[in-house]
Amino acid sequence: MITVEGFDFPETIEEASTWEPFATSQPLHSCVMCYATVRMEQTWCAYIFNVPGLTHRNEWEAWRTDGAKLSETIARAVFPHAFRNLPYAK
């Protein structure tokens, strides 16, 4: 593994097969969440999506099917400290 800005990233296929990326979520409203995660290419990105608003702890996975990628400017405003020096995915 290689560490970049405090995050571990895989360097080999073997490491990649067991790698679990760091991710975090942020509710913006009872029915709107943002989800951010690091990517294997040593970048990060964030998504916004609607949720039923019942239990955010169980609703974060909706980013995979319903998420729209945020622009870097908005993503950095929502997650100002989590990925401070890591480049945003294009």
PDB file of N, CA and C in Angstrom:
ATOM      1  N   MET A   1       0.845  -1.189   0.000  1.00  0.00           N
ATOM      2  CA  MET A   1       0.000   0.000   0.000  1.00  0.00           C
ATOM      3  C   MET A   1       0.884   1.245   0.000  1.00  0.00           C
ATOM      4  N   ILE A   2       0.351   2.283  -0.583  1.00  0.00           N
ATOM      5  CA  ILE A   2       1.013   3.582  -0.551  1.00  0.00           C
ATOM      6  C   ILE A   2       0.078   4.543   0.180  1.00  0.00           C
ATOM      7  N   THR A   3       0.650   5.395   1.006  1.00  0.00           N
ATOM      8  CA  THR A   3      -0.144   6.372   1.746  1.00  0.00           C
ATOM      9  C   THR A   3       0.022   7.740   1.103  1.00  0.00           C
ATOM     10  N   VAL A   4      -1.114   8.352   0.749  1.00  0.00           N
ATOM     11  CA  VAL A   4      -1.132   9.680   0.129  1.00  0.00           C
ATOM     12  C   VAL A   4      -2.094  10.536   0.933  1.00  0.00           C
ATOM     13  N   GLU A   5      -1.584  11.611   1.490  1.00  0.00           N
ATOM     14  CA  GLU A   5      -2.409  12.545   2.274  1.00  0.00           C
ATOM     15  C   GLU A   5      -3.199  11.827   3.377  1.00  0.00           C
ATOM     16  N   GLY A   6      -2.585  10.796   3.957  1.00  0.00           N
ATOM     17  CA  GLY A   6      -3.217  10.090   5.064  1.00  0.00           C
ATOM     18  C   GLY A   6      -4.146   8.958   4.663  1.00  0.00           C
ATOM     19  N   PHE A   7      -4.312   8.712   3.373  1.00  0.00           N
ATOM     20  CA  PHE A   7      -5.175   7.632   2.884  1.00  0.00           C
ATOM     21  C   PHE A   7      -4.310   6.538   2.276  1.00  0.00           C
ATOM     22  N   ASP A   8      -4.680   5.289   2.529  1.00  0.00           N
ATOM     23  CA  ASP A   8      -3.957   4.153   1.960  1.00  0.00           C
ATOM     24  C   ASP A   8      -4.568   3.773   0.620  1.00  0.00           C
ATOM     25  N   PHE A   9      -3.699   3.568  -0.389  1.00  0.00           N
ATOM     26  CA  PHE A   9      -4.127   3.171  -1.725  1.00  0.00           C
ATOM     27  C   PHE A   9      -3.339   1.940  -2.152  1.00  0.00           C
ATOM     28  N   PRO A  10      -3.982   1.025  -2.887  1.00  0.00           N
ATOM     29  CA  PRO A  10      -3.292  -0.190  -3.323  1.00  0.00           C
ATOM     30  C   PRO A  10      -2.275   0.106  -4.418  1.00  0.00           C
ATOM     31  N   GLU A  11      -1.213  -0.694  -4.397  1.00  0.00           N
ATOM     32  CA  GLU A  11      -0.188  -0.585  -5.439  1.00  0.00           C
ATOM     33  C   GLU A  11      -0.139  -1.820  -6.327  1.00  0.00           C
ATOM     34  N   THR A  12      -0.724  -2.914  -5.872  1.00  0.00           N
ATOM     35  CA  THR A  12      -0.688  -4.155  -6.634  1.00  0.00           C
ATOM     36  C   THR A  12      -2.109  -4.677  -6.835  1.00  0.00           C
ATOM     37  N   ILE A  13      -2.256  -5.601  -7.748  1.00  0.00           N
ATOM     38  CA  ILE A  13      -3.564  -6.222  -7.986  1.00  0.00           C
ATOM     39  C   ILE A  13      -4.014  -6.960  -6.728  1.00  0.00           C
ATOM     40  N   GLU A  14      -3.091  -7.607  -6.061  1.00  0.00           N
ATOM     41  CA  GLU A  14      -3.430  -8.327  -4.829  1.00  0.00           C
ATOM     42  C   GLU A  14      -3.955  -7.362  -3.760  1.00  0.00           C
ATOM     43  N   GLU A  15      -3.285  -6.241  -3.583  1.00  0.00           N
ATOM     44  CA  GLU A  15      -3.751  -5.244  -2.612  1.00  0.00           C
ATOM     45  C   GLU A  15      -5.102  -4.670  -3.024  1.00  0.00           C
ATOM     46  N   ALA A  16      -5.277  -4.452  -4.313  1.00  0.00           N
ATOM     47  CA  ALA A  16      -6.537  -3.889  -4.799  1.00  0.00           C
ATOM     48  C   ALA A  16      -7.708  -4.836  -4.562  1.00  0.00           C
ATOM     49  N   SER A  17      -7.449  -6.130  -4.580  1.00  0.00           N
ATOM     50  CA  SER A  17      -8.542  -7.091  -4.415  1.00  0.00           C
ATOM     51  C   SER A  17      -9.114  -7.092  -3.001  1.00  0.00           C
ATOM     52  N   THR A  18      -8.349  -6.609  -2.041  1.00  0.00           N
ATOM     53  CA  THR A  18      -8.839  -6.582  -0.657  1.00  0.00           C
ATOM     54  C   THR A  18      -8.993  -5.162  -0.116  1.00  0.00           C
ATOM     55  N   TRP A  19      -8.707  -4.163  -0.931  1.00  0.00           N
ATOM     56  CA  TRP A  19      -8.736  -2.763  -0.503  1.00  0.00           C
ATOM     57  C   TRP A  19     -10.155  -2.289  -0.264  1.00  0.00           C
ATOM     58  N   GLU A  20     -10.351  -1.600   0.824  1.00  0.00           N
ATOM     59  CA  GLU A  20     -11.637  -0.972   1.117  1.00  0.00           C
ATOM     60  C   GLU A  20     -11.403   0.523   1.230  1.00  0.00           C
ATOM     61  N   PRO A  21     -11.963   1.300   0.318  1.00  0.00           N
ATOM     62  CA  PRO A  21     -11.706   2.740   0.322  1.00  0.00           C
ATOM     63  C   PRO A  21     -12.366   3.449   1.500  1.00  0.00           C
ATOM     64  N   PHE A  22     -11.733   4.525   1.942  1.00  0.00           N
ATOM     65  CA  PHE A  22     -12.332   5.376   2.965  1.00  0.00           C
ATOM     66  C   PHE A  22     -13.523   6.094   2.341  1.00  0.00           C
ATOM     67  N   ALA A  23     -14.602   6.167   3.080  1.00  0.00           N
ATOM     68  CA  ALA A  23     -15.801   6.873   2.604  1.00  0.00           C
ATOM     69  C   ALA A  23     -16.499   7.525   3.791  1.00  0.00           C
ATOM     70  N   THR A  24     -17.240   8.569   3.497  1.00  0.00           N
ATOM     71  CA  THR A  24     -18.002   9.263   4.523  1.00  0.00           C
ATOM     72  C   THR A  24     -19.282   9.813   3.893  1.00  0.00           C
ATOM     73  N   SER A  25     -20.275  10.060   4.712  1.00  0.00           N
ATOM     74  CA  SER A  25     -21.514  10.627   4.188  1.00  0.00           C
ATOM     75  C   SER A  25     -21.939  11.806   5.054  1.00  0.00           C
ATOM     76  N   GLN A  26     -22.763  12.651   4.458  1.00  0.00           N
ATOM     77  CA  GLN A  26     -23.229  13.856   5.141  1.00  0.00           C
ATOM     78  C   GLN A  26     -24.678  14.112   4.759  1.00  0.00           C
ATOM     79  N   PRO A  27     -25.603  14.042   5.721  1.00  0.00           N
ATOM     80  CA  PRO A  27     -26.976  14.410   5.382  1.00  0.00           C
ATOM     81  C   PRO A  27     -27.078  15.924   5.194  1.00  0.00           C
ATOM     82  N   LEU A  28     -27.757  16.349   4.142  1.00  0.00           N
ATOM     83  CA  LEU A  28     -27.965  17.775   3.901  1.00  0.00           C
ATOM     84  C   LEU A  28     -29.372  18.190   4.311  1.00  0.00           C
ATOM     85  N   HIS A  29     -30.249  17.215   4.363  1.00  0.00           N
ATOM     86  CA  HIS A  29     -31.662  17.410   4.699  1.00  0.00           C
ATOM     87  C   HIS A  29     -32.164  16.029   5.086  1.00  0.00           C
ATOM     88  N   SER A  30     -33.341  15.931   5.620  1.00  0.00           N
ATOM     89  CA  SER A  30     -33.836  14.613   6.012  1.00  0.00           C
ATOM     90  C   SER A  30     -33.935  13.664   4.817  1.00  0.00           C
ATOM     91  N   CYS A  31     -34.111  14.194   3.614  1.00  0.00           N
ATOM     92  CA  CYS A  31     -34.268  13.354   2.426  1.00  0.00           C
ATOM     93  C   CYS A  31     -33.172  13.535   1.377  1.00  0.00           C
ATOM     94  N   VAL A  32     -32.071  14.170   1.751  1.00  0.00           N
ATOM     95  CA  VAL A  32     -30.954  14.382   0.814  1.00  0.00           C
ATOM     96  C   VAL A  32     -29.642  14.084   1.533  1.00  0.00           C
ATOM     97  N   MET A  33     -28.810  13.268   0.892  1.00  0.00           N
ATOM     98  CA  MET A  33     -27.498  12.945   1.457  1.00  0.00           C
ATOM     99  C   MET A  33     -26.407  13.166   0.419  1.00  0.00           C
ATOM    100  N   CYS A  34     -25.198  13.363   0.918  1.00  0.00           N
ATOM    101  CA  CYS A  34     -24.002  13.365   0.083  1.00  0.00           C
ATOM    102  C   CYS A  34     -23.100  12.250   0.575  1.00  0.00           C
ATOM    103  N   TYR A  35     -22.409  11.626  -0.352  1.00  0.00           N
ATOM    104  CA  TYR A  35     -21.506  10.529  -0.049  1.00  0.00           C
ATOM    105  C   TYR A  35     -20.192  10.826  -0.746  1.00  0.00           C
ATOM    106  N   ALA A  36     -19.086  10.662  -0.048  1.00  0.00           N
ATOM    107  CA  ALA A  36     -17.767  10.910  -0.642  1.00  0.00           C
ATOM    108  C   ALA A  36     -16.869   9.718  -0.364  1.00  0.00           C
ATOM    109  N   THR A  37     -16.025   9.404  -1.321  1.00  0.00           N
ATOM    110  CA  THR A  37     -15.129   8.269  -1.188  1.00  0.00           C
ATOM    111  C   THR A  37     -13.834   8.511  -1.957  1.00  0.00           C
ATOM    112  N   VAL A  38     -12.759   7.895  -1.473  1.00  0.00           N
ATOM    113  CA  VAL A  38     -11.511   7.930  -2.230  1.00  0.00           C
ATOM    114  C   VAL A  38     -11.608   6.881  -3.331  1.00  0.00           C
ATOM    115  N   ARG A  39     -10.838   7.114  -4.384  1.00  0.00           N
ATOM    116  CA  ARG A  39     -10.831   6.194  -5.524  1.00  0.00           C
ATOM    117  C   ARG A  39      -9.442   5.604  -5.683  1.00  0.00           C
ATOM    118  N   MET A  40      -9.367   4.493  -6.341  1.00  0.00           N
ATOM    119  CA  MET A  40      -8.111   3.761  -6.464  1.00  0.00           C
ATOM    120  C   MET A  40      -7.002   4.595  -7.115  1.00  0.00           C
ATOM    121  N   GLU A  41      -7.381   5.556  -7.960  1.00  0.00           N
ATOM    122  CA  GLU A  41      -6.360   6.359  -8.641  1.00  0.00           C
ATOM    123  C   GLU A  41      -5.873   7.535  -7.800  1.00  0.00           C
ATOM    124  N   GLN A  42      -6.085   7.450  -6.487  1.00  0.00           N
ATOM    125  CA  GLN A  42      -5.593   8.435  -5.509  1.00  0.00           C
ATOM    126  C   GLN A  42      -6.281   9.787  -5.648  1.00  0.00           C
ATOM    127  N   THR A  43      -7.572   9.741  -5.904  1.00  0.00           N
ATOM    128  CA  THR A  43      -8.410  10.932  -5.961  1.00  0.00           C
ATOM    129  C   THR A  43      -9.637  10.663  -5.093  1.00  0.00           C
ATOM    130  N   TRP A  44     -10.551  11.614  -5.068  1.00  0.00           N
ATOM    131  CA  TRP A  44     -11.815  11.411  -4.358  1.00  0.00           C
ATOM    132  C   TRP A  44     -12.934  12.052  -5.147  1.00  0.00           C
ATOM    133  N   CYS A  45     -14.156  11.657  -4.856  1.00  0.00           N
ATOM    134  CA  CYS A  45     -15.313  12.273  -5.487  1.00  0.00           C
ATOM    135  C   CYS A  45     -16.508  12.163  -4.550  1.00  0.00           C
ATOM    136  N   ALA A  46     -17.512  12.985  -4.812  1.00  0.00           N
ATOM    137  CA  ALA A  46     -18.696  13.026  -3.955  1.00  0.00           C
ATOM    138  C   ALA A  46     -19.950  13.000  -4.821  1.00  0.00           C
ATOM    139  N   TYR A  47     -20.996  12.429  -4.255  1.00  0.00           N
ATOM    140  CA  TYR A  47     -22.269  12.270  -4.947  1.00  0.00           C
ATOM    141  C   TYR A  47     -23.399  12.783  -4.064  1.00  0.00           C
ATOM    142  N   ILE A  48     -24.459  13.265  -4.683  1.00  0.00           N
ATOM    143  CA  ILE A  48     -25.651  13.712  -3.969  1.00  0.00           C
ATOM    144  C   ILE A  48     -26.817  12.848  -4.439  1.00  0.00           C
ATOM    145  N   PHE A  49     -27.732  12.531  -3.501  1.00  0.00           N
ATOM    146  CA  PHE A  49     -28.842  11.660  -3.862  1.00  0.00           C
ATOM    147  C   PHE A  49     -29.985  11.807  -2.866  1.00  0.00           C
ATOM    148  N   ASN A  50     -31.176  11.465  -3.334  1.00  0.00           N
ATOM    149  CA  ASN A  50     -32.371  11.474  -2.482  1.00  0.00           C
ATOM    150  C   ASN A  50     -32.445  10.174  -1.697  1.00  0.00           C
ATOM    151  N   VAL A  51     -32.984  10.257  -0.488  1.00  0.00           N
ATOM    152  CA  VAL A  51     -33.219   9.078   0.348  1.00  0.00           C
ATOM    153  C   VAL A  51     -34.601   9.205   0.989  1.00  0.00           C
ATOM    154  N   PRO A  52     -35.165   8.094   1.448  1.00  0.00           N
ATOM    155  CA  PRO A  52     -36.459   8.181   2.122  1.00  0.00           C
ATOM    156  C   PRO A  52     -36.408   9.009   3.406  1.00  0.00           C
ATOM    157  N   GLY A  53     -35.245   9.062   4.029  1.00  0.00           N
ATOM    158  CA  GLY A  53     -35.096   9.867   5.242  1.00  0.00           C
ATOM    159  C   GLY A  53     -35.498   9.151   6.508  1.00  0.00           C
ATOM    160  N   LEU A  54     -35.555   7.841   6.455  1.00  0.00           N
ATOM    161  CA  LEU A  54     -35.941   7.071   7.634  1.00  0.00           C
ATOM    162  C   LEU A  54     -34.746   6.818   8.560  1.00  0.00           C
ATOM    163  N   THR A  55     -33.672   6.281   8.003  1.00  0.00           N
ATOM    164  CA  THR A  55     -32.459   6.000   8.769  1.00  0.00           C
ATOM    165  C   THR A  55     -31.250   6.237   7.865  1.00  0.00           C
ATOM    166  N   HIS A  56     -30.629   7.386   7.971  1.00  0.00           N
ATOM    167  CA  HIS A  56     -29.487   7.702   7.106  1.00  0.00           C
ATOM    168  C   HIS A  56     -28.394   6.659   7.201  1.00  0.00           C
ATOM    169  N   ARG A  57     -28.231   6.079   8.360  1.00  0.00           N
ATOM    170  CA  ARG A  57     -27.190   5.070   8.555  1.00  0.00           C
ATOM    171  C   ARG A  57     -27.375   3.890   7.593  1.00  0.00           C
ATOM    172  N   ASN A  58     -28.614   3.620   7.197  1.00  0.00           N
ATOM    173  CA  ASN A  58     -28.898   2.506   6.300  1.00  0.00           C
ATOM    174  C   ASN A  58     -29.161   2.939   4.861  1.00  0.00           C
ATOM    175  N   GLU A  59     -29.142   4.226   4.602  1.00  0.00           N
ATOM    176  CA  GLU A  59     -29.527   4.726   3.281  1.00  0.00           C
ATOM    177  C   GLU A  59     -28.348   5.189   2.413  1.00  0.00           C
ATOM    178  N   TRP A  60     -27.154   5.190   2.955  1.00  0.00           N
ATOM    179  CA  TRP A  60     -26.010   5.735   2.241  1.00  0.00           C
ATOM    180  C   TRP A  60     -25.683   4.998   0.951  1.00  0.00           C
ATOM    181  N   GLU A  61     -26.013   3.716   0.845  1.00  0.00           N
ATOM    182  CA  GLU A  61     -25.656   2.949  -0.343  1.00  0.00           C
ATOM    183  C   GLU A  61     -26.420   3.364  -1.596  1.00  0.00           C
ATOM    184  N   ALA A  62     -27.439   4.188  -1.435  1.00  0.00           N
ATOM    185  CA  ALA A  62     -28.205   4.648  -2.603  1.00  0.00           C
ATOM    186  C   ALA A  62     -27.351   5.486  -3.554  1.00  0.00           C
ATOM    187  N   TRP A  63     -26.183   5.953  -3.122  1.00  0.00           N
ATOM    188  CA  TRP A  63     -25.329   6.747  -4.008  1.00  0.00           C
ATOM    189  C   TRP A  63     -24.943   5.954  -5.259  1.00  0.00           C
ATOM    190  N   ARG A  64     -24.839   4.640  -5.137  1.00  0.00           N
ATOM    191  CA  ARG A  64     -24.420   3.808  -6.279  1.00  0.00           C
ATOM    192  C   ARG A  64     -25.425   3.845  -7.427  1.00  0.00           C
ATOM    193  N   THR A  65     -26.703   3.875  -7.106  1.00  0.00           N
ATOM    194  CA  THR A  65     -27.734   3.833  -8.147  1.00  0.00           C
ATOM    195  C   THR A  65     -28.378   5.188  -8.414  1.00  0.00           C
ATOM    196  N   ASP A  66     -28.437   6.028  -7.382  1.00  0.00           N
ATOM    197  CA  ASP A  66     -29.169   7.288  -7.511  1.00  0.00           C
ATOM    198  C   ASP A  66     -28.290   8.532  -7.421  1.00  0.00           C
ATOM    199  N   GLY A  67     -26.998   8.366  -7.176  1.00  0.00           N
ATOM    200  CA  GLY A  67     -26.132   9.508  -6.951  1.00  0.00           C
ATOM    201  C   GLY A  67     -25.749  10.247  -8.212  1.00  0.00           C
ATOM    202  N   ALA A  68     -25.690  11.567  -8.098  1.00  0.00           N
ATOM    203  CA  ALA A  68     -25.189  12.435  -9.166  1.00  0.00           C
ATOM    204  C   ALA A  68     -23.883  13.040  -8.663  1.00  0.00           C
ATOM    205  N   LYS A  69     -22.827  12.934  -9.459  1.00  0.00           N
ATOM    206  CA  LYS A  69     -21.527  13.434  -9.033  1.00  0.00           C
ATOM    207  C   LYS A  69     -21.572  14.945  -8.861  1.00  0.00           C
ATOM    208  N   LEU A  70     -21.017  15.408  -7.747  1.00  0.00           N
ATOM    209  CA  LEU A  70     -20.963  16.839  -7.468  1.00  0.00           C
ATOM    210  C   LEU A  70     -19.764  17.476  -8.151  1.00  0.00           C
ATOM    211  N   SER A  71     -19.860  18.748  -8.434  1.00  0.00           N
ATOM    212  CA  SER A  71     -18.699  19.489  -8.930  1.00  0.00           C
ATOM    213  C   SER A  71     -17.696  19.582  -7.785  1.00  0.00           C
ATOM    214  N   GLU A  72     -16.453  19.804  -8.115  1.00  0.00           N
ATOM    215  CA  GLU A  72     -15.425  19.896  -7.082  1.00  0.00           C
ATOM    216  C   GLU A  72     -15.715  21.026  -6.095  1.00  0.00           C
ATOM    217  N   THR A  73     -16.171  22.163  -6.580  1.00  0.00           N
ATOM    218  CA  THR A  73     -16.443  23.305  -5.709  1.00  0.00           C
ATOM    219  C   THR A  73     -17.492  22.958  -4.650  1.00  0.00           C
ATOM    220  N   ILE A  74     -18.566  22.339  -5.064  1.00  0.00           N
ATOM    221  CA  ILE A  74     -19.621  21.977  -4.107  1.00  0.00           C
ATOM    222  C   ILE A  74     -19.156  20.848  -3.196  1.00  0.00           C
ATOM    223  N   ALA A  75     -18.467  19.854  -3.754  1.00  0.00           N
ATOM    224  CA  ALA A  75     -17.985  18.734  -2.947  1.00  0.00           C
ATOM    225  C   ALA A  75     -17.046  19.214  -1.842  1.00  0.00           C
ATOM    226  N   ARG A  76     -16.160  20.136  -2.166  1.00  0.00           N
ATOM    227  CA  ARG A  76     -15.232  20.643  -1.141  1.00  0.00           C
ATOM    228  C   ARG A  76     -15.959  21.481  -0.092  1.00  0.00           C
ATOM    229  N   ALA A  77     -17.071  22.105  -0.455  1.00  0.00           N
ATOM    230  CA  ALA A  77     -17.861  22.854   0.524  1.00  0.00           C
ATOM    231  C   ALA A  77     -18.589  21.904   1.477  1.00  0.00           C
ATOM    232  N   VAL A  78     -19.060  20.778   0.969  1.00  0.00           N
ATOM    233  CA  VAL A  78     -19.782  19.813   1.797  1.00  0.00           C
ATOM    234  C   VAL A  78     -18.818  19.026   2.681  1.00  0.00           C
ATOM    235  N   PHE A  79     -17.640  18.696   2.168  1.00  0.00           N
ATOM    236  CA  PHE A  79     -16.625  17.924   2.902  1.00  0.00           C
ATOM    237  C   PHE A  79     -15.331  18.738   2.978  1.00  0.00           C
ATOM    238  N   PRO A  80     -15.321  19.855   3.731  1.00  0.00           N
ATOM    239  CA  PRO A  80     -14.180  20.775   3.703  1.00  0.00           C
ATOM    240  C   PRO A  80     -12.887  20.231   4.298  1.00  0.00           C
ATOM    241  N   HIS A  81     -12.952  19.269   5.184  1.00  0.00           N
ATOM    242  CA  HIS A  81     -11.741  18.801   5.855  1.00  0.00           C
ATOM    243  C   HIS A  81     -11.361  17.374   5.504  1.00  0.00           C
ATOM    244  N   ALA A  82     -12.295  16.564   5.100  1.00  0.00           N
ATOM    245  CA  ALA A  82     -12.041  15.138   4.921  1.00  0.00           C
ATOM    246  C   ALA A  82     -10.985  14.834   3.856  1.00  0.00           C
ATOM    247  N   PHE A  83     -10.955  15.599   2.780  1.00  0.00           N
ATOM    248  CA  PHE A  83     -10.067  15.290   1.655  1.00  0.00           C
ATOM    249  C   PHE A  83      -9.264  16.519   1.237  1.00  0.00           C
ATOM    250  N   ARG A  84      -8.874  17.326   2.186  1.00  0.00           N
ATOM    251  CA  ARG A  84      -8.311  18.652   1.948  1.00  0.00           C
ATOM    252  C   ARG A  84      -7.258  18.706   0.842  1.00  0.00           C
ATOM    253  N   ASN A  85      -6.255  17.847   0.877  1.00  0.00           N
ATOM    254  CA  ASN A  85      -5.153  17.944  -0.077  1.00  0.00           C
ATOM    255  C   ASN A  85      -5.145  16.859  -1.158  1.00  0.00           C
ATOM    256  N   LEU A  86      -6.215  16.093  -1.228  1.00  0.00           N
ATOM    257  CA  LEU A  86      -6.316  15.046  -2.240  1.00  0.00           C
ATOM    258  C   LEU A  86      -7.006  15.609  -3.473  1.00  0.00           C
ATOM    259  N   PRO A  87      -6.515  15.315  -4.682  1.00  0.00           N
ATOM    260  CA  PRO A  87      -7.168  15.854  -5.884  1.00  0.00           C
ATOM    261  C   PRO A  87      -8.573  15.275  -6.077  1.00  0.00           C
ATOM    262  N   TYR A  88      -9.438  16.066  -6.673  1.00  0.00           N
ATOM    263  CA  TYR A  88     -10.804  15.632  -6.978  1.00  0.00           C
ATOM    264  C   TYR A  88     -10.804  14.882  -8.303  1.00  0.00           C
ATOM    265  N   ALA A  89     -11.565  13.809  -8.381  1.00  0.00           N
ATOM    266  CA  ALA A  89     -11.629  12.994  -9.605  1.00  0.00           C
ATOM    267  C   ALA A  89     -12.271  13.759 -10.749  1.00  0.00           C
ATOM    268  N   LYS A  90     -11.726  13.640 -11.896  1.00  0.00           N
ATOM    269  CA  LYS A  90     -12.254  14.308 -13.107  1.00  0.00           C
ATOM    270  C   LYS A  90     -13.402  13.523 -13.678  1.00  0.00           C
TER     271      LYS A  90
END
